[in-house]
Amino acid sequence: MGEAIAGFAKTYLPLKLEFTDIVEIIIISFMIYEVLRWVRYTRAWQLMKGIIVIAVFIGIAAFFKLSTILWIVGKAINILMIGVVVVFQPELRKILEQLGRKNFLAPIFVDSSEGNERFSDKTIDELVRATYEMAKVKTGALIVIEQDTNLSEYESTGIALDSLVSSELLINIFEHNTPLHDGAVIMRGNRLVAATCYLPLSDNMELSKELGTRHRAAVGISEVTDSFTIVVSEETGSVSIAVAGRIFRNVDGDKLQAHLVRLQNKQIDVKRFRLWKIRNDKTKIIKEKEEKKKQDEKSNQRGNKKEKQRNRKKKRNDK
């Protein structure tokens, strides 16, 4: 048995690994892992499962030596490869765009200057004030904040503004029945550069059906760029944030201001949003349980009072 294993190892496992081989294995493993992790949350996952089914079918045909099927596959393999590229074209484009946005040298060459801010504290205050003033009266709004990826492509679809950010201007832009209220506003630095801009809609099927076109546009722009988008719902007046292809709903003023402060000097980390969302959901659940408990206690107290009153009436009637 030992000799058989040794013979198999010598024949099929020539373990002459060098340093470059180990590096290649690590790089390829990392690339495959990142691709699968990214594909898992896109439409490509369903397409990938379809390709796996076809691959299993071809494997069965090869195992049973079904010559006709193997001949058809052999002739069609080139067409199938081109078809895969065509079918996965949107996903491949997104992968390349996200790869291009990554700054691999950022951890090495860190800018230690504190004055390199995307926008001022005054701009943050104006944004937060305008957002929640519009939320109070249920005025729909869509504000896209540019980070490292240039948004000129989407800026050109709207009307140029080039004005300082102010709460009055934002409220006036999104006021109902005004010429600029439809579409998105794009902000670069401390200035609003364009209004009524058209954004790509997300085709993510996992998004809630409650979300309308405005929210899908916010998610769509965050999928193809590194932008940070603020959304005010026209139906409910709730405030949401879209970043890195994710949307986080029901954000209060303090949270929005804290995220904008972090956004002043660096990109927002979507993992922090997820942790905040989990904590926020837990807090809501706890509050709901406490409110329900209080309501149950009140109803029990009312029931006890009614029973006491009934007992008193019975005693009076007996007398």
Protein backbone atom coordinates (compact mmCIF):
# COMPACT_ATOMS: atom_id res chain seq x y z
CA MET A 1 0.00 0.00 0.00
CA GLY A 2 2.80 2.39 0.95
CA GLU A 3 4.67 1.60 -2.25
CA ALA A 4 1.55 2.28 -4.33
CA ILE A 5 1.06 5.69 -2.69
CA ALA A 6 4.74 6.53 -3.18
CA GLY A 7 4.54 5.52 -6.84
CA PHE A 8 1.42 7.64 -7.36
CA ALA A 9 3.12 10.62 -5.71
CA LYS A 10 6.21 10.29 -7.89
CA THR A 11 4.12 9.98 -11.06
CA TYR A 12 1.46 12.63 -10.50
CA LEU A 13 2.81 14.88 -7.76
CA PRO A 14 6.31 16.04 -8.65
CA LEU A 15 6.64 18.42 -5.66
CA LYS A 16 9.40 20.64 -6.97
CA LEU A 17 7.90 23.87 -5.76
CA GLU A 18 9.86 27.08 -6.01
CA PHE A 19 9.14 30.46 -4.47
CA THR A 20 7.60 31.77 -7.71
CA ASP A 21 5.23 28.75 -7.81
CA ILE A 22 3.96 29.54 -4.32
CA VAL A 23 3.44 33.19 -5.26
CA GLU A 24 1.50 32.17 -8.38
CA ILE A 25 -0.73 29.79 -6.37
CA ILE A 26 -1.50 32.54 -3.84
CA ILE A 27 -2.30 35.11 -6.56
CA ILE A 28 -4.52 32.73 -8.56
CA SER A 29 -6.34 31.58 -5.40
CA PHE A 30 -6.93 35.17 -4.35
CA MET A 31 -8.24 36.12 -7.82
CA ILE A 32 -10.62 33.14 -7.96
CA TYR A 33 -11.89 33.88 -4.44
CA GLU A 34 -12.49 37.58 -5.19
CA VAL A 35 -14.29 36.79 -8.48
CA LEU A 36 -16.56 34.21 -6.83
CA ARG A 37 -17.25 36.52 -3.87
CA TRP A 38 -18.17 39.37 -6.23
CA VAL A 39 -20.22 37.18 -8.58
CA ARG A 40 -22.20 35.78 -5.63
CA TYR A 41 -24.12 39.07 -5.24
CA THR A 42 -24.81 39.73 -8.94
CA ARG A 43 -26.99 38.33 -11.72
CA ALA A 44 -23.88 36.50 -12.97
CA TRP A 45 -24.37 33.97 -10.15
CA GLN A 46 -27.47 32.57 -11.87
CA LEU A 47 -25.62 32.47 -15.20
CA MET A 48 -22.68 30.78 -13.51
CA LYS A 49 -24.96 28.06 -12.15
CA GLY A 50 -26.29 27.50 -15.67
CA ILE A 51 -22.75 27.10 -17.01
CA ILE A 52 -21.95 24.62 -14.23
CA VAL A 53 -25.01 22.54 -15.22
CA ILE A 54 -23.80 22.48 -18.85
CA ALA A 55 -20.27 21.53 -17.71
CA VAL A 56 -21.67 18.63 -15.64
CA PHE A 57 -23.70 17.47 -18.64
CA ILE A 58 -20.56 17.51 -20.83
CA GLY A 59 -18.66 15.59 -18.14
CA ILE A 60 -21.36 12.90 -18.09
CA ALA A 61 -21.19 12.69 -21.89
CA ALA A 62 -17.41 12.28 -21.72
CA PHE A 63 -17.68 9.61 -19.00
CA PHE A 64 -20.13 7.52 -21.04
CA LYS A 65 -18.28 8.33 -24.31
CA LEU A 66 -21.31 9.83 -26.07
CA SER A 67 -19.46 10.65 -29.27
CA THR A 68 -22.19 12.67 -31.00
CA ILE A 69 -22.62 15.07 -28.05
CA LEU A 70 -18.84 15.41 -27.65
CA TRP A 71 -18.50 16.15 -31.39
CA ILE A 72 -21.15 18.91 -31.16
CA VAL A 73 -19.47 20.39 -28.08
CA GLY A 74 -16.05 20.28 -29.80
CA LYS A 75 -17.39 22.16 -32.82
CA ALA A 76 -19.30 24.70 -30.74
CA ILE A 77 -16.67 25.37 -28.06
CA ASN A 78 -15.31 28.53 -29.76
CA ILE A 79 -18.81 29.95 -30.22
CA LEU A 80 -19.63 29.10 -26.58
CA MET A 81 -16.56 31.01 -25.35
CA ILE A 82 -17.59 34.10 -27.33
CA GLY A 83 -21.14 33.68 -26.03
CA VAL A 84 -19.90 33.61 -22.43
CA VAL A 85 -18.02 36.89 -22.98
CA VAL A 86 -21.14 38.49 -24.53
CA VAL A 87 -23.46 37.24 -21.76
CA PHE A 88 -21.10 38.34 -18.97
CA GLN A 89 -20.21 41.66 -20.62
CA PRO A 90 -21.92 43.91 -18.00
CA GLU A 91 -20.38 41.95 -15.12
CA LEU A 92 -16.91 41.92 -16.73
CA ARG A 93 -17.14 45.67 -17.27
CA LYS A 94 -18.05 46.23 -13.61
CA ILE A 95 -15.12 44.07 -12.48
CA LEU A 96 -12.67 46.08 -14.60
CA GLU A 97 -14.18 49.38 -13.41
CA GLN A 98 -13.89 48.36 -9.76
CA LEU A 99 -10.33 47.14 -10.36
CA GLY A 100 -9.46 50.48 -11.95
CA ARG A 101 -10.88 52.39 -8.96
CA LYS A 102 -8.71 50.54 -6.45
CA ASN A 103 -5.63 52.47 -5.39
CA PHE A 104 -3.13 49.74 -4.54
CA LEU A 105 -0.38 52.22 -3.68
CA ALA A 106 -2.53 54.20 -1.22
CA PRO A 107 -1.34 52.26 1.88
CA ILE A 108 2.29 52.93 0.86
CA PHE A 109 2.07 56.56 -0.16
CA VAL A 110 -0.18 58.06 2.51
CA ASP A 111 -0.78 61.78 2.48
CA SER A 112 -0.39 62.94 6.06
CA SER A 113 -1.62 66.48 5.43
CA GLU A 114 -4.82 67.24 7.32
CA GLY A 115 -5.91 70.04 5.00
CA ASN A 116 -6.71 67.75 2.08
CA GLU A 117 -10.46 67.58 2.62
CA ARG A 118 -13.10 66.82 -0.01
CA PHE A 119 -15.46 69.46 1.39
CA SER A 120 -15.78 71.74 4.39
CA ASP A 121 -17.68 71.38 7.65
CA LYS A 122 -20.06 74.10 6.48
CA THR A 123 -20.94 71.99 3.43
CA ILE A 124 -21.73 69.04 5.72
CA ASP A 125 -24.02 71.18 7.86
CA GLU A 126 -25.82 72.52 4.77
CA LEU A 127 -26.26 69.00 3.33
CA VAL A 128 -27.67 67.57 6.57
CA ARG A 129 -29.97 70.56 7.12
CA ALA A 130 -31.33 70.43 3.56
CA THR A 131 -31.79 66.65 3.66
CA TYR A 132 -33.92 66.61 6.78
CA GLU A 133 -35.85 69.78 5.90
CA MET A 134 -36.91 68.01 2.71
CA ALA A 135 -37.60 64.79 4.62
CA LYS A 136 -40.02 66.61 6.95
CA VAL A 137 -42.24 67.70 4.05
CA LYS A 138 -41.63 64.52 1.97
CA THR A 139 -39.79 66.23 -0.87
CA GLY A 140 -37.97 63.63 -2.95
CA ALA A 141 -34.25 64.27 -3.46
CA LEU A 142 -31.21 62.56 -4.96
CA ILE A 143 -27.75 63.99 -4.12
CA VAL A 144 -24.64 62.28 -5.53
CA ILE A 145 -21.29 63.15 -3.91
CA GLU A 146 -18.25 62.54 -6.09
CA GLN A 147 -15.23 60.79 -4.58
CA ASP A 148 -12.25 59.53 -6.64
CA THR A 149 -14.19 58.44 -9.73
CA ASN A 150 -14.95 61.40 -11.98
CA LEU A 151 -18.69 61.82 -12.67
CA SER A 152 -18.37 64.06 -15.75
CA GLU A 153 -20.12 61.39 -17.85
CA TYR A 154 -23.28 61.76 -15.75
CA GLU A 155 -22.78 65.48 -15.17
CA SER A 156 -23.09 66.08 -18.91
CA THR A 157 -26.62 64.60 -18.92
CA GLY A 158 -27.91 67.41 -16.70
CA ILE A 159 -27.83 71.21 -16.46
CA ALA A 160 -24.62 72.88 -15.30
CA LEU A 161 -24.81 74.83 -12.02
CA ASP A 162 -21.34 75.43 -10.52
CA SER A 163 -22.57 76.96 -7.27
CA LEU A 164 -21.68 76.64 -3.59
CA VAL A 165 -23.61 74.05 -1.58
CA SER A 166 -26.37 75.64 0.50
CA SER A 167 -29.47 74.18 2.10
CA GLU A 168 -31.70 76.85 0.52
CA LEU A 169 -30.42 76.04 -2.97
CA LEU A 170 -30.86 72.27 -2.54
CA ILE A 171 -34.39 72.68 -1.17
CA ASN A 172 -35.30 75.01 -4.03
CA ILE A 173 -33.86 72.61 -6.65
CA PHE A 174 -35.94 69.64 -5.46
CA GLU A 175 -39.13 71.65 -4.81
CA HIS A 176 -42.12 70.18 -6.65
CA ASN A 177 -42.93 71.54 -10.12
CA THR A 178 -39.62 73.41 -10.50
CA PRO A 179 -37.53 73.00 -13.68
CA LEU A 180 -34.62 71.27 -11.89
CA HIS A 181 -36.45 68.99 -9.44
CA ASP A 182 -36.42 65.87 -11.65
CA GLY A 183 -33.19 63.83 -11.65
CA ALA A 184 -30.07 63.93 -9.49
CA VAL A 185 -27.76 66.69 -8.26
CA ILE A 186 -24.02 66.00 -8.48
CA MET A 187 -21.72 67.53 -5.88
CA ARG A 188 -17.95 67.91 -6.34
CA GLY A 189 -16.04 69.32 -3.42
CA ASN A 190 -17.94 72.28 -1.98
CA ARG A 191 -19.89 72.94 -5.17
CA LEU A 192 -22.99 71.67 -6.89
CA VAL A 193 -21.85 71.10 -10.46
CA ALA A 194 -25.04 69.89 -12.17
CA ALA A 195 -28.74 69.16 -11.64
CA THR A 196 -31.39 67.01 -13.39
CA CYS A 197 -28.70 64.39 -14.11
CA TYR A 198 -29.68 60.93 -15.33
CA LEU A 199 -28.19 57.97 -13.46
CA PRO A 200 -28.01 54.26 -14.39
CA LEU A 201 -30.67 52.13 -12.70
CA SER A 202 -29.58 49.08 -10.74
CA ASP A 203 -30.76 45.68 -11.99
CA ASN A 204 -30.12 44.05 -8.61
CA MET A 205 -33.07 41.70 -8.04
CA GLU A 206 -32.38 41.56 -4.28
CA LEU A 207 -33.48 45.17 -3.76
CA SER A 208 -36.78 45.61 -1.94
CA LYS A 209 -39.87 46.06 -4.11
CA GLU A 210 -40.75 49.05 -1.92
CA LEU A 211 -37.88 51.03 -3.46
CA GLY A 212 -38.73 53.19 -6.45
CA THR A 213 -36.76 54.59 -9.38
CA ARG A 214 -34.96 57.19 -7.24
CA HIS A 215 -33.52 54.56 -4.91
CA ARG A 216 -32.61 52.21 -7.79
CA ALA A 217 -30.76 55.08 -9.47
CA ALA A 218 -28.83 55.73 -6.24
CA VAL A 219 -27.78 52.08 -6.03
CA GLY A 220 -27.02 52.02 -9.77
CA ILE A 221 -24.55 54.93 -9.63
CA SER A 222 -22.89 53.41 -6.56
CA GLU A 223 -22.39 50.11 -8.46
CA VAL A 224 -20.43 51.70 -11.32
CA THR A 225 -18.61 54.43 -9.35
CA ASP A 226 -17.33 55.03 -5.82
CA SER A 227 -19.86 57.83 -5.26
CA PHE A 228 -21.79 58.43 -2.03
CA THR A 229 -25.48 59.12 -2.60
CA ILE A 230 -28.15 60.59 -0.31
CA VAL A 231 -31.78 59.75 -1.10
CA VAL A 232 -34.93 61.30 0.37
CA SER A 233 -38.10 59.29 -0.23
CA GLU A 234 -41.04 61.22 -1.65
CA GLU A 235 -43.54 58.65 -0.29
CA THR A 236 -42.29 58.19 3.30
CA GLY A 237 -39.84 61.05 3.87
CA SER A 238 -37.18 58.59 5.06
CA VAL A 239 -33.49 59.20 4.31
CA SER A 240 -31.30 56.50 2.75
CA ILE A 241 -27.64 56.20 1.77
CA ALA A 242 -26.26 54.28 -1.23
CA VAL A 243 -22.60 53.29 -1.40
CA ALA A 244 -20.64 50.42 -3.02
CA GLY A 245 -23.79 48.90 -4.55
CA ARG A 246 -25.63 48.78 -1.19
CA ILE A 247 -28.44 50.88 0.19
CA PHE A 248 -28.90 51.67 3.89
CA ARG A 249 -32.34 52.96 4.82
CA ASN A 250 -33.78 55.07 7.64
CA VAL A 251 -30.60 57.02 8.46
CA ASP A 252 -30.97 59.71 11.11
CA GLY A 253 -29.25 63.11 11.12
CA ASP A 254 -26.44 62.23 13.54
CA LYS A 255 -25.49 59.14 11.55
CA LEU A 256 -25.54 61.00 8.24
CA GLN A 257 -23.35 63.76 9.65
CA ALA A 258 -20.88 61.20 11.07
CA HIS A 259 -20.61 59.43 7.70
CA LEU A 260 -20.08 62.73 5.86
CA VAL A 261 -17.31 63.68 8.29
CA ARG A 262 -15.53 60.39 7.54
CA LEU A 263 -16.09 61.02 3.84
CA GLN A 264 -14.22 64.34 4.03
CA ASN A 265 -10.78 62.70 3.92
CA LYS A 266 -11.24 59.12 2.66
CA GLN A 267 -13.64 56.63 1.10
CA ILE A 268 -16.44 55.27 3.24
CA ASP A 269 -15.93 51.64 4.22
CA VAL A 270 -19.10 49.70 3.40
CA LYS A 271 -18.32 47.20 6.19
CA ARG A 272 -18.86 49.97 8.75
CA PHE A 273 -22.27 50.62 7.21
CA ARG A 274 -23.16 46.95 7.55
CA LEU A 275 -22.10 46.90 11.21
CA TRP A 276 -24.06 50.10 11.84
CA LYS A 277 -27.11 48.63 10.07
CA ILE A 278 -26.94 45.44 12.18
CA ARG A 279 -26.67 47.46 15.40
CA ASN A 280 -29.48 49.77 14.29
CA ASP A 281 -31.74 46.81 13.48
CA LYS A 282 -30.98 45.21 16.86
CA THR A 283 -31.79 48.47 18.64
CA LYS A 284 -35.11 48.72 16.78
CA ILE A 285 -36.03 45.14 17.68
CA ILE A 286 -35.24 45.77 21.36
CA LYS A 287 -37.29 48.99 21.36
CA GLU A 288 -40.22 47.24 19.68
CA LYS A 289 -40.12 44.45 22.29
CA GLU A 290 -40.04 46.98 25.12
CA GLU A 291 -42.97 48.94 23.64
CA LYS A 292 -44.95 45.72 23.16
CA LYS A 293 -44.24 44.70 26.76
CA LYS A 294 -45.44 48.08 28.03
CA GLN A 295 -48.61 47.83 25.94
CA ASP A 296 -49.28 44.30 27.28
CA GLU A 297 -48.81 45.53 30.84
CA LYS A 298 -51.22 48.43 30.25
CA SER A 299 -53.81 46.14 28.69
CA ASN A 300 -53.47 43.71 31.62
CA GLN A 301 -53.94 46.56 34.08
CA ARG A 302 -57.05 47.71 32.22
CA GLY A 303 -58.38 44.15 32.22
CA ASN A 304 -57.80 43.86 35.98
CA LYS A 305 -59.62 47.14 36.60
CA LYS A 306 -62.60 46.00 34.53
CA GLU A 307 -62.76 42.71 36.45
CA LYS A 308 -62.70 44.53 39.78
CA GLN A 309 -65.50 46.80 38.62
CA ARG A 310 -67.56 43.79 37.53
CA ASN A 311 -67.01 42.07 40.88
CA ARG A 312 -68.12 45.20 42.72
CA LYS A 313 -71.29 45.42 40.62
CA LYS A 314 -72.06 41.75 41.33
CA LYS A 315 -71.66 42.26 45.07
CA ARG A 316 -74.00 45.28 44.99
CA ASN A 317 -76.59 43.32 43.01
CA ASP A 318 -76.36 40.39 45.47
CA LYS A 319 -77.03 42.76 48.38
